[in-house]
Amino acid sequence: MPKIKYIEENGKEHVVEVPVGWSVMEGAVKNLIPGIDADCGGACACATCHVYVDPAWNAKMPPMGDMEETMLDFAQDREATSRLSCQLKVTEAMDGLVVRMPKSQH
């Protein structure tokens, strides 16, 4: 099972196993990791699961869809590696993925 490292805005790290097929958001929510609120439950209808994908992993992520791009326009503190974690479906190739939560979700 792939391990994903979630890093809170304050630097606290959480490494958890996330089943293939779950989203990066589900991995955080189901493991009670603070900083990913997921108000819409993963419907890509808000930006409360905003994360920064570690630059080493950014090019390995699936392409961003139009809906995700639109929702990220509402995210505070958007950066070049910003993604909505609900739109990142976990694959075996994501073992070791590192994401950081923005200050705005702290």
PDB file of N, CA and C in Angstrom:
ATOM      1  N   MET A   1       0.855  -1.180   0.000  1.00  0.00           N
ATOM      2  CA  MET A   1       0.000   0.000   0.000  1.00  0.00           C
ATOM      3  C   MET A   1       0.899   1.242   0.000  1.00  0.00           C
ATOM      4  N   PRO A   2       0.638   2.207  -0.877  1.00  0.00           N
ATOM      5  CA  PRO A   2       1.475   3.404  -0.939  1.00  0.00           C
ATOM      6  C   PRO A   2       1.438   4.208   0.360  1.00  0.00           C
ATOM      7  N   LYS A   3       2.597   4.754   0.717  1.00  0.00           N
ATOM      8  CA  LYS A   3       2.690   5.642   1.875  1.00  0.00           C
ATOM      9  C   LYS A   3       2.762   7.075   1.362  1.00  0.00           C
ATOM     10  N   ILE A   4       1.986   7.932   1.989  1.00  0.00           N
ATOM     11  CA  ILE A   4       1.970   9.347   1.631  1.00  0.00           C
ATOM     12  C   ILE A   4       2.330  10.150   2.865  1.00  0.00           C
ATOM     13  N   LYS A   5       3.178  11.156   2.670  1.00  0.00           N
ATOM     14  CA  LYS A   5       3.562  12.042   3.761  1.00  0.00           C
ATOM     15  C   LYS A   5       2.778  13.344   3.624  1.00  0.00           C
ATOM     16  N   TYR A   6       2.018  13.653   4.651  1.00  0.00           N
ATOM     17  CA  TYR A   6       1.271  14.905   4.738  1.00  0.00           C
ATOM     18  C   TYR A   6       2.008  15.794   5.727  1.00  0.00           C
ATOM     19  N   ILE A   7       2.292  17.027   5.326  1.00  0.00           N
ATOM     20  CA  ILE A   7       3.003  17.943   6.205  1.00  0.00           C
ATOM     21  C   ILE A   7       2.100  19.132   6.507  1.00  0.00           C
ATOM     22  N   GLU A   8       1.792  19.289   7.792  1.00  0.00           N
ATOM     23  CA  GLU A   8       0.966  20.415   8.214  1.00  0.00           C
ATOM     24  C   GLU A   8       1.730  21.720   8.026  1.00  0.00           C
ATOM     25  N   GLU A   9       1.009  22.815   8.035  1.00  0.00           N
ATOM     26  CA  GLU A   9       1.606  24.145   7.864  1.00  0.00           C
ATOM     27  C   GLU A   9       2.675  24.403   8.928  1.00  0.00           C
ATOM     28  N   ASN A  10       2.499  23.840  10.108  1.00  0.00           N
ATOM     29  CA  ASN A  10       3.466  24.051  11.205  1.00  0.00           C
ATOM     30  C   ASN A  10       4.670  23.112  11.123  1.00  0.00           C
ATOM     31  N   GLY A  11       4.711  22.248  10.101  1.00  0.00           N
ATOM     32  CA  GLY A  11       5.835  21.352   9.898  1.00  0.00           C
ATOM     33  C   GLY A  11       5.631  19.945  10.429  1.00  0.00           C
ATOM     34  N   LYS A  12       4.567  19.700  11.174  1.00  0.00           N
ATOM     35  CA  LYS A  12       4.315  18.359  11.703  1.00  0.00           C
ATOM     36  C   LYS A  12       4.010  17.411  10.555  1.00  0.00           C
ATOM     37  N   GLU A  13       4.683  16.255  10.566  1.00  0.00           N
ATOM     38  CA  GLU A  13       4.547  15.283   9.485  1.00  0.00           C
ATOM     39  C   GLU A  13       3.704  14.090   9.910  1.00  0.00           C
ATOM     40  N   HIS A  14       2.937  13.587   8.961  1.00  0.00           N
ATOM     41  CA  HIS A  14       2.130  12.384   9.153  1.00  0.00           C
ATOM     42  C   HIS A  14       2.386  11.487   7.943  1.00  0.00           C
ATOM     43  N   VAL A  15       2.882  10.292   8.171  1.00  0.00           N
ATOM     44  CA  VAL A  15       3.082   9.329   7.090  1.00  0.00           C
ATOM     45  C   VAL A  15       2.060   8.219   7.287  1.00  0.00           C
ATOM     46  N   VAL A  16       1.205   8.039   6.298  1.00  0.00           N
ATOM     47  CA  VAL A  16       0.156   7.026   6.406  1.00  0.00           C
ATOM     48  C   VAL A  16       0.082   6.204   5.128  1.00  0.00           C
ATOM     49  N   GLU A  17      -0.389   4.980   5.272  1.00  0.00           N
ATOM     50  CA  GLU A  17      -0.653   4.132   4.120  1.00  0.00           C
ATOM     51  C   GLU A  17      -2.040   4.482   3.594  1.00  0.00           C
ATOM     52  N   VAL A  18      -2.128   4.673   2.287  1.00  0.00           N
ATOM     53  CA  VAL A  18      -3.399   5.031   1.656  1.00  0.00           C
ATOM     54  C   VAL A  18      -3.682   4.001   0.558  1.00  0.00           C
ATOM     55  N   PRO A  19      -4.836   3.346   0.623  1.00  0.00           N
ATOM     56  CA  PRO A  19      -5.147   2.331  -0.385  1.00  0.00           C
ATOM     57  C   PRO A  19      -5.203   2.897  -1.807  1.00  0.00           C
ATOM     58  N   VAL A  20      -4.745   2.106  -2.750  1.00  0.00           N
ATOM     59  CA  VAL A  20      -4.853   2.460  -4.162  1.00  0.00           C
ATOM     60  C   VAL A  20      -6.333   2.663  -4.481  1.00  0.00           C
ATOM     61  N   GLY A  21      -6.624   3.720  -5.212  1.00  0.00           N
ATOM     62  CA  GLY A  21      -8.004   4.034  -5.587  1.00  0.00           C
ATOM     63  C   GLY A  21      -8.634   5.110  -4.726  1.00  0.00           C
ATOM     64  N   TRP A  22      -8.138   5.280  -3.510  1.00  0.00           N
ATOM     65  CA  TRP A  22      -8.610   6.390  -2.683  1.00  0.00           C
ATOM     66  C   TRP A  22      -7.995   7.668  -3.235  1.00  0.00           C
ATOM     67  N   SER A  23      -8.537   8.800  -2.849  1.00  0.00           N
ATOM     68  CA  SER A  23      -7.898  10.067  -3.189  1.00  0.00           C
ATOM     69  C   SER A  23      -6.918  10.437  -2.072  1.00  0.00           C
ATOM     70  N   VAL A  24      -6.004  11.333  -2.387  1.00  0.00           N
ATOM     71  CA  VAL A  24      -5.081  11.843  -1.373  1.00  0.00           C
ATOM     72  C   VAL A  24      -5.884  12.502  -0.246  1.00  0.00           C
ATOM     73  N   MET A  25      -6.993  13.146  -0.589  1.00  0.00           N
ATOM     74  CA  MET A  25      -7.882  13.757   0.405  1.00  0.00           C
ATOM     75  C   MET A  25      -8.464  12.698   1.337  1.00  0.00           C
ATOM     76  N   GLU A  26      -8.978  11.603   0.773  1.00  0.00           N
ATOM     77  CA  GLU A  26      -9.553  10.545   1.608  1.00  0.00           C
ATOM     78  C   GLU A  26      -8.518   9.990   2.573  1.00  0.00           C
ATOM     79  N   GLY A  27      -7.286   9.853   2.112  1.00  0.00           N
ATOM     80  CA  GLY A  27      -6.222   9.368   2.984  1.00  0.00           C
ATOM     81  C   GLY A  27      -6.031  10.264   4.188  1.00  0.00           C
ATOM     82  N   ALA A  28      -6.130  11.575   3.982  1.00  0.00           N
ATOM     83  CA  ALA A  28      -5.983  12.524   5.085  1.00  0.00           C
ATOM     84  C   ALA A  28      -7.193  12.486   6.014  1.00  0.00           C
ATOM     85  N   VAL A  29      -8.367  12.563   5.437  1.00  0.00           N
ATOM     86  CA  VAL A  29      -9.597  12.622   6.241  1.00  0.00           C
ATOM     87  C   VAL A  29      -9.780  11.350   7.063  1.00  0.00           C
ATOM     88  N   LYS A  30      -9.585  10.204   6.448  1.00  0.00           N
ATOM     89  CA  LYS A  30      -9.816   8.933   7.147  1.00  0.00           C
ATOM     90  C   LYS A  30      -8.735   8.620   8.170  1.00  0.00           C
ATOM     91  N   ASN A  31      -7.613   9.338   8.096  1.00  0.00           N
ATOM     92  CA  ASN A  31      -6.553   9.177   9.088  1.00  0.00           C
ATOM     93  C   ASN A  31      -6.489  10.365  10.048  1.00  0.00           C
ATOM     94  N   LEU A  32      -7.529  11.202  10.012  1.00  0.00           N
ATOM     95  CA  LEU A  32      -7.676  12.343  10.940  1.00  0.00           C
ATOM     96  C   LEU A  32      -6.486  13.299  10.909  1.00  0.00           C
ATOM     97  N   ILE A  33      -5.966  13.541   9.712  1.00  0.00           N
ATOM     98  CA  ILE A  33      -4.851  14.469   9.564  1.00  0.00           C
ATOM     99  C   ILE A  33      -5.402  15.884   9.446  1.00  0.00           C
ATOM    100  N   PRO A  34      -5.007  16.779  10.331  1.00  0.00           N
ATOM    101  CA  PRO A  34      -5.524  18.147  10.272  1.00  0.00           C
ATOM    102  C   PRO A  34      -4.981  18.918   9.066  1.00  0.00           C
ATOM    103  N   GLY A  35      -5.777  19.871   8.596  1.00  0.00           N
ATOM    104  CA  GLY A  35      -5.331  20.741   7.521  1.00  0.00           C
ATOM    105  C   GLY A  35      -6.008  20.483   6.191  1.00  0.00           C
ATOM    106  N   ILE A  36      -6.743  19.379   6.080  1.00  0.00           N
ATOM    107  CA  ILE A  36      -7.532  19.098   4.886  1.00  0.00           C
ATOM    108  C   ILE A  36      -8.967  18.935   5.359  1.00  0.00           C
ATOM    109  N   ASP A  37      -9.769  19.981   5.122  1.00  0.00           N
ATOM    110  CA  ASP A  37     -11.139  19.993   5.626  1.00  0.00           C
ATOM    111  C   ASP A  37     -12.102  19.198   4.752  1.00  0.00           C
ATOM    112  N   ALA A  38     -11.935  19.295   3.437  1.00  0.00           N
ATOM    113  CA  ALA A  38     -12.771  18.548   2.487  1.00  0.00           C
ATOM    114  C   ALA A  38     -14.262  18.812   2.705  1.00  0.00           C
ATOM    115  N   ASP A  39     -14.626  20.071   2.757  1.00  0.00           N
ATOM    116  CA  ASP A  39     -16.014  20.462   3.026  1.00  0.00           C
ATOM    117  C   ASP A  39     -17.017  19.852   2.048  1.00  0.00           C
ATOM    118  N   CYS A  40     -16.628  19.690   0.787  1.00  0.00           N
ATOM    119  CA  CYS A  40     -17.579  19.157  -0.206  1.00  0.00           C
ATOM    120  C   CYS A  40     -17.518  17.639  -0.310  1.00  0.00           C
ATOM    121  N   GLY A  41     -16.670  17.003   0.479  1.00  0.00           N
ATOM    122  CA  GLY A  41     -16.595  15.553   0.474  1.00  0.00           C
ATOM    123  C   GLY A  41     -15.908  14.950  -0.733  1.00  0.00           C
ATOM    124  N   GLY A  42     -15.190  15.741  -1.488  1.00  0.00           N
ATOM    125  CA  GLY A  42     -14.456  15.221  -2.634  1.00  0.00           C
ATOM    126  C   GLY A  42     -15.137  15.426  -3.971  1.00  0.00           C
ATOM    127  N   ALA A  43     -16.122  16.315  -4.016  1.00  0.00           N
ATOM    128  CA  ALA A  43     -16.872  16.549  -5.256  1.00  0.00           C
ATOM    129  C   ALA A  43     -16.250  17.619  -6.151  1.00  0.00           C
ATOM    130  N   CYS A  44     -15.067  18.112  -5.796  1.00  0.00           N
ATOM    131  CA  CYS A  44     -14.399  19.174  -6.551  1.00  0.00           C
ATOM    132  C   CYS A  44     -15.289  20.411  -6.638  1.00  0.00           C
ATOM    133  N   ALA A  45     -15.935  20.727  -5.508  1.00  0.00           N
ATOM    134  CA  ALA A  45     -16.852  21.866  -5.463  1.00  0.00           C
ATOM    135  C   ALA A  45     -16.410  22.916  -4.449  1.00  0.00           C
ATOM    136  N   CYS A  46     -15.208  22.775  -3.928  1.00  0.00           N
ATOM    137  CA  CYS A  46     -14.656  23.776  -3.010  1.00  0.00           C
ATOM    138  C   CYS A  46     -13.138  23.681  -3.139  1.00  0.00           C
ATOM    139  N   ALA A  47     -12.419  24.341  -2.295  1.00  0.00           N
ATOM    140  CA  ALA A  47     -10.958  24.252  -2.350  1.00  0.00           C
ATOM    141  C   ALA A  47     -10.378  23.984  -0.967  1.00  0.00           C
ATOM    142  N   THR A  48     -11.153  23.320  -0.106  1.00  0.00           N
ATOM    143  CA  THR A  48     -10.699  23.099   1.263  1.00  0.00           C
ATOM    144  C   THR A  48      -9.843  21.836   1.416  1.00  0.00           C
ATOM    145  N   CYS A  49      -9.481  21.227   0.301  1.00  0.00           N
ATOM    146  CA  CYS A  49      -8.542  20.097   0.335  1.00  0.00           C
ATOM    147  C   CYS A  49      -7.280  20.468  -0.446  1.00  0.00           C
ATOM    148  N   HIS A  50      -7.055  21.765  -0.589  1.00  0.00           N
ATOM    149  CA  HIS A  50      -5.903  22.308  -1.305  1.00  0.00           C
ATOM    150  C   HIS A  50      -4.611  21.827  -0.647  1.00  0.00           C
ATOM    151  N   VAL A  51      -3.684  21.347  -1.463  1.00  0.00           N
ATOM    152  CA  VAL A  51      -2.357  20.961  -0.989  1.00  0.00           C
ATOM    153  C   VAL A  51      -1.310  21.467  -1.973  1.00  0.00           C
ATOM    154  N   TYR A  52      -0.072  21.498  -1.492  1.00  0.00           N
ATOM    155  CA  TYR A  52       1.076  21.755  -2.355  1.00  0.00           C
ATOM    156  C   TYR A  52       1.780  20.417  -2.551  1.00  0.00           C
ATOM    157  N   VAL A  53       1.852  19.973  -3.786  1.00  0.00           N
ATOM    158  CA  VAL A  53       2.567  18.744  -4.103  1.00  0.00           C
ATOM    159  C   VAL A  53       4.054  19.067  -4.083  1.00  0.00           C
ATOM    160  N   ASP A  54       4.840  18.220  -3.430  1.00  0.00           N
ATOM    161  CA  ASP A  54       6.277  18.420  -3.390  1.00  0.00           C
ATOM    162  C   ASP A  54       6.796  18.549  -4.819  1.00  0.00           C
ATOM    163  N   PRO A  55       7.675  19.542  -5.060  1.00  0.00           N
ATOM    164  CA  PRO A  55       8.156  19.767  -6.425  1.00  0.00           C
ATOM    165  C   PRO A  55       8.716  18.516  -7.113  1.00  0.00           C
ATOM    166  N   ALA A  56       9.337  17.622  -6.358  1.00  0.00           N
ATOM    167  CA  ALA A  56       9.885  16.392  -6.945  1.00  0.00           C
ATOM    168  C   ALA A  56       8.785  15.482  -7.487  1.00  0.00           C
ATOM    169  N   TRP A  57       7.570  15.659  -7.015  1.00  0.00           N
ATOM    170  CA  TRP A  57       6.441  14.823  -7.421  1.00  0.00           C
ATOM    171  C   TRP A  57       5.493  15.516  -8.395  1.00  0.00           C
ATOM    172  N   ASN A  58       5.597  16.806  -8.535  1.00  0.00           N
ATOM    173  CA  ASN A  58       4.612  17.566  -9.299  1.00  0.00           C
ATOM    174  C   ASN A  58       4.432  17.043 -10.724  1.00  0.00           C
ATOM    175  N   ALA A  59       5.523  16.766 -11.417  1.00  0.00           N
ATOM    176  CA  ALA A  59       5.437  16.302 -12.811  1.00  0.00           C
ATOM    177  C   ALA A  59       4.864  14.888 -12.914  1.00  0.00           C
ATOM    178  N   LYS A  60       4.846  14.147 -11.811  1.00  0.00           N
ATOM    179  CA  LYS A  60       4.344  12.772 -11.816  1.00  0.00           C
ATOM    180  C   LYS A  60       2.840  12.693 -11.547  1.00  0.00           C
ATOM    181  N   MET A  61       2.224  13.818 -11.249  1.00  0.00           N
ATOM    182  CA  MET A  61       0.794  13.843 -10.948  1.00  0.00           C
ATOM    183  C   MET A  61      -0.019  13.838 -12.244  1.00  0.00           C
ATOM    184  N   PRO A  62      -1.242  13.334 -12.183  1.00  0.00           N
ATOM    185  CA  PRO A  62      -2.093  13.379 -13.380  1.00  0.00           C
ATOM    186  C   PRO A  62      -2.400  14.829 -13.749  1.00  0.00           C
ATOM    187  N   PRO A  63      -2.702  15.076 -15.005  1.00  0.00           N
ATOM    188  CA  PRO A  63      -2.996  16.452 -15.407  1.00  0.00           C
ATOM    189  C   PRO A  63      -4.228  17.000 -14.688  1.00  0.00           C
ATOM    190  N   MET A  64      -4.232  18.307 -14.506  1.00  0.00           N
ATOM    191  CA  MET A  64      -5.333  18.982 -13.840  1.00  0.00           C
ATOM    192  C   MET A  64      -6.490  19.178 -14.817  1.00  0.00           C
ATOM    193  N   GLY A  65      -7.696  18.857 -14.363  1.00  0.00           N
ATOM    194  CA  GLY A  65      -8.887  19.076 -15.177  1.00  0.00           C
ATOM    195  C   GLY A  65      -9.393  20.502 -15.055  1.00  0.00           C
ATOM    196  N   ASP A  66     -10.319  20.868 -15.933  1.00  0.00           N
ATOM    197  CA  ASP A  66     -10.871  22.224 -15.934  1.00  0.00           C
ATOM    198  C   ASP A  66     -11.551  22.582 -14.619  1.00  0.00           C
ATOM    199  N   MET A  67     -12.311  21.637 -14.047  1.00  0.00           N
ATOM    200  CA  MET A  67     -13.024  21.905 -12.806  1.00  0.00           C
ATOM    201  C   MET A  67     -12.046  22.163 -11.659  1.00  0.00           C
ATOM    202  N   GLU A  68     -10.995  21.360 -11.580  1.00  0.00           N
ATOM    203  CA  GLU A  68      -9.983  21.567 -10.536  1.00  0.00           C
ATOM    204  C   GLU A  68      -9.316  22.930 -10.702  1.00  0.00           C
ATOM    205  N   GLU A  69      -8.982  23.271 -11.932  1.00  0.00           N
ATOM    206  CA  GLU A  69      -8.366  24.587 -12.212  1.00  0.00           C
ATOM    207  C   GLU A  69      -9.275  25.710 -11.737  1.00  0.00           C
ATOM    208  N   THR A  70     -10.568  25.595 -12.025  1.00  0.00           N
ATOM    209  CA  THR A  70     -11.537  26.621 -11.617  1.00  0.00           C
ATOM    210  C   THR A  70     -11.624  26.717 -10.103  1.00  0.00           C
ATOM    211  N   MET A  71     -11.695  25.592  -9.427  1.00  0.00           N
ATOM    212  CA  MET A  71     -11.799  25.595  -7.965  1.00  0.00           C
ATOM    213  C   MET A  71     -10.533  26.152  -7.321  1.00  0.00           C
ATOM    214  N   LEU A  72      -9.376  25.869  -7.901  1.00  0.00           N
ATOM    215  CA  LEU A  72      -8.130  26.400  -7.348  1.00  0.00           C
ATOM    216  C   LEU A  72      -8.048  27.918  -7.463  1.00  0.00           C
ATOM    217  N   ASP A  73      -8.816  28.487  -8.380  1.00  0.00           N
ATOM    218  CA  ASP A  73      -8.868  29.948  -8.472  1.00  0.00           C
ATOM    219  C   ASP A  73      -9.428  30.557  -7.182  1.00  0.00           C
ATOM    220  N   PHE A  74     -10.192  29.759  -6.410  1.00  0.00           N
ATOM    221  CA  PHE A  74     -10.765  30.236  -5.153  1.00  0.00           C
ATOM    222  C   PHE A  74      -9.873  29.938  -3.952  1.00  0.00           C
ATOM    223  N   ALA A  75      -8.815  29.171  -4.159  1.00  0.00           N
ATOM    224  CA  ALA A  75      -7.920  28.795  -3.058  1.00  0.00           C
ATOM    225  C   ALA A  75      -7.029  29.966  -2.679  1.00  0.00           C
ATOM    226  N   GLN A  76      -6.902  30.166  -1.378  1.00  0.00           N
ATOM    227  CA  GLN A  76      -5.954  31.166  -0.899  1.00  0.00           C
ATOM    228  C   GLN A  76      -4.555  30.584  -1.016  1.00  0.00           C
ATOM    229  N   ASP A  77      -3.582  31.427  -1.198  1.00  0.00           N
ATOM    230  CA  ASP A  77      -2.169  31.016  -1.200  1.00  0.00           C
ATOM    231  C   ASP A  77      -1.832  30.009  -2.302  1.00  0.00           C
ATOM    232  N   ARG A  78      -2.467  30.140  -3.455  1.00  0.00           N
ATOM    233  CA  ARG A  78      -2.186  29.217  -4.564  1.00  0.00           C
ATOM    234  C   ARG A  78      -0.745  29.384  -5.037  1.00  0.00           C
ATOM    235  N   GLU A  79      -0.118  28.251  -5.339  1.00  0.00           N
ATOM    236  CA  GLU A  79       1.255  28.236  -5.843  1.00  0.00           C
ATOM    237  C   GLU A  79       1.323  27.354  -7.090  1.00  0.00           C
ATOM    238  N   ALA A  80       2.491  27.279  -7.694  1.00  0.00           N
ATOM    239  CA  ALA A  80       2.664  26.502  -8.926  1.00  0.00           C
ATOM    240  C   ALA A  80       2.378  25.017  -8.723  1.00  0.00           C
ATOM    241  N   THR A  81       2.598  24.498  -7.511  1.00  0.00           N
ATOM    242  CA  THR A  81       2.386  23.068  -7.259  1.00  0.00           C
ATOM    243  C   THR A  81       1.055  22.802  -6.555  1.00  0.00           C
ATOM    244  N   SER A  82       0.164  23.782  -6.532  1.00  0.00           N
ATOM    245  CA  SER A  82      -1.136  23.608  -5.879  1.00  0.00           C
ATOM    246  C   SER A  82      -1.994  22.595  -6.625  1.00  0.00           C
ATOM    247  N   ARG A  83      -2.652  21.735  -5.850  1.00  0.00           N
ATOM    248  CA  ARG A  83      -3.619  20.784  -6.389  1.00  0.00           C
ATOM    249  C   ARG A  83      -4.730  20.606  -5.370  1.00  0.00           C
ATOM    250  N   LEU A  84      -5.855  20.087  -5.829  1.00  0.00           N
ATOM    251  CA  LEU A  84      -6.924  19.683  -4.916  1.00  0.00           C
ATOM    252  C   LEU A  84      -6.708  18.204  -4.642  1.00  0.00           C
ATOM    253  N   SER A  85      -6.524  17.865  -3.379  1.00  0.00           N
ATOM    254  CA  SER A  85      -6.186  16.477  -3.048  1.00  0.00           C
ATOM    255  C   SER A  85      -7.317  15.506  -3.360  1.00  0.00           C
ATOM    256  N   CYS A  86      -8.542  16.010  -3.503  1.00  0.00           N
ATOM    257  CA  CYS A  86      -9.657  15.129  -3.873  1.00  0.00           C
ATOM    258  C   CYS A  86      -9.545  14.649  -5.310  1.00  0.00           C
ATOM    259  N   GLN A  87      -8.751  15.335  -6.107  1.00  0.00           N
ATOM    260  CA  GLN A  87      -8.614  15.000  -7.521  1.00  0.00           C
ATOM    261  C   GLN A  87      -7.387  14.140  -7.808  1.00  0.00           C
ATOM    262  N   LEU A  88      -6.643  13.806  -6.771  1.00  0.00           N
ATOM    263  CA  LEU A  88      -5.445  12.985  -6.934  1.00  0.00           C
ATOM    264  C   LEU A  88      -5.740  11.573  -6.444  1.00  0.00           C
ATOM    265  N   LYS A  89      -6.046  10.679  -7.378  1.00  0.00           N
ATOM    266  CA  LYS A  89      -6.327   9.284  -7.041  1.00  0.00           C
ATOM    267  C   LYS A  89      -5.006   8.548  -6.824  1.00  0.00           C
ATOM    268  N   VAL A  90      -4.929   7.854  -5.710  1.00  0.00           N
ATOM    269  CA  VAL A  90      -3.702   7.176  -5.322  1.00  0.00           C
ATOM    270  C   VAL A  90      -3.461   5.950  -6.210  1.00  0.00           C
ATOM    271  N   THR A  91      -2.219   5.845  -6.678  1.00  0.00           N
ATOM    272  CA  THR A  91      -1.757   4.693  -7.441  1.00  0.00           C
ATOM    273  C   THR A  91      -0.513   4.141  -6.746  1.00  0.00           C
ATOM    274  N   GLU A  92      -0.117   2.934  -7.120  1.00  0.00           N
ATOM    275  CA  GLU A  92       1.113   2.347  -6.551  1.00  0.00           C
ATOM    276  C   GLU A  92       2.313   3.262  -6.804  1.00  0.00           C
ATOM    277  N   ALA A  93       2.306   3.952  -7.943  1.00  0.00           N
ATOM    278  CA  ALA A  93       3.418   4.827  -8.300  1.00  0.00           C
ATOM    279  C   ALA A  93       3.541   6.043  -7.380  1.00  0.00           C
ATOM    280  N   MET A  94       2.518   6.294  -6.555  1.00  0.00           N
ATOM    281  CA  MET A  94       2.553   7.441  -5.644  1.00  0.00           C
ATOM    282  C   MET A  94       3.170   7.110  -4.289  1.00  0.00           C
ATOM    283  N   ASP A  95       3.738   5.906  -4.145  1.00  0.00           N
ATOM    284  CA  ASP A  95       4.380   5.550  -2.890  1.00  0.00           C
ATOM    285  C   ASP A  95       5.509   6.539  -2.605  1.00  0.00           C
ATOM    286  N   GLY A  96       5.433   7.213  -1.466  1.00  0.00           N
ATOM    287  CA  GLY A  96       6.430   8.213  -1.099  1.00  0.00           C
ATOM    288  C   GLY A  96       6.016   9.639  -1.407  1.00  0.00           C
ATOM    289  N   LEU A  97       4.837   9.830  -1.974  1.00  0.00           N
ATOM    290  CA  LEU A  97       4.342  11.172  -2.292  1.00  0.00           C
ATOM    291  C   LEU A  97       4.375  12.059  -1.052  1.00  0.00           C
ATOM    292  N   VAL A  98       4.750  13.317  -1.246  1.00  0.00           N
ATOM    293  CA  VAL A  98       4.781  14.299  -0.167  1.00  0.00           C
ATOM    294  C   VAL A  98       3.896  15.476  -0.557  1.00  0.00           C
ATOM    295  N   VAL A  99       2.957  15.812   0.324  1.00  0.00           N
ATOM    296  CA  VAL A  99       2.112  16.999   0.123  1.00  0.00           C
ATOM    297  C   VAL A  99       2.154  17.861   1.383  1.00  0.00           C
ATOM    298  N   ARG A 100       2.036  19.162   1.163  1.00  0.00           N
ATOM    299  CA  ARG A 100       2.019  20.118   2.274  1.00  0.00           C
ATOM    300  C   ARG A 100       0.701  20.864   2.280  1.00  0.00           C
ATOM    301  N   MET A 101       0.213  21.171   3.468  1.00  0.00           N
ATOM    302  CA  MET A 101      -1.026  21.925   3.592  1.00  0.00           C
ATOM    303  C   MET A 101      -0.704  23.421   3.653  1.00  0.00           C
ATOM    304  N   PRO A 102      -1.523  24.250   3.018  1.00  0.00           N
ATOM    305  CA  PRO A 102      -1.294  25.692   3.068  1.00  0.00           C
ATOM    306  C   PRO A 102      -1.688  26.291   4.416  1.00  0.00           C
ATOM    307  N   LYS A 103      -1.112  27.443   4.703  1.00  0.00           N
ATOM    308  CA  LYS A 103      -1.401  28.151   5.950  1.00  0.00           C
ATOM    309  C   LYS A 103      -2.876  28.483   6.072  1.00  0.00           C
ATOM    310  N   SER A 104      -3.534  28.783   4.951  1.00  0.00           N
ATOM    311  CA  SER A 104      -4.937  29.206   4.962  1.00  0.00           C
ATOM    312  C   SER A 104      -5.878  28.131   5.473  1.00  0.00           C
ATOM    313  N   GLN A 105      -5.458  26.868   5.500  1.00  0.00           N
ATOM    314  CA  GLN A 105      -6.299  25.785   5.984  1.00  0.00           C
ATOM    315  C   GLN A 105      -5.917  25.348   7.398  1.00  0.00           C
ATOM    316  N   HIS A 106      -5.007  26.094   8.010  1.00  0.00           N
ATOM    317  CA  HIS A 106      -4.522  25.738   9.347  1.00  0.00           C
ATOM    318  C   HIS A 106      -5.575  26.053  10.392  1.00  0.00           C
TER     319      HIS A 106
END
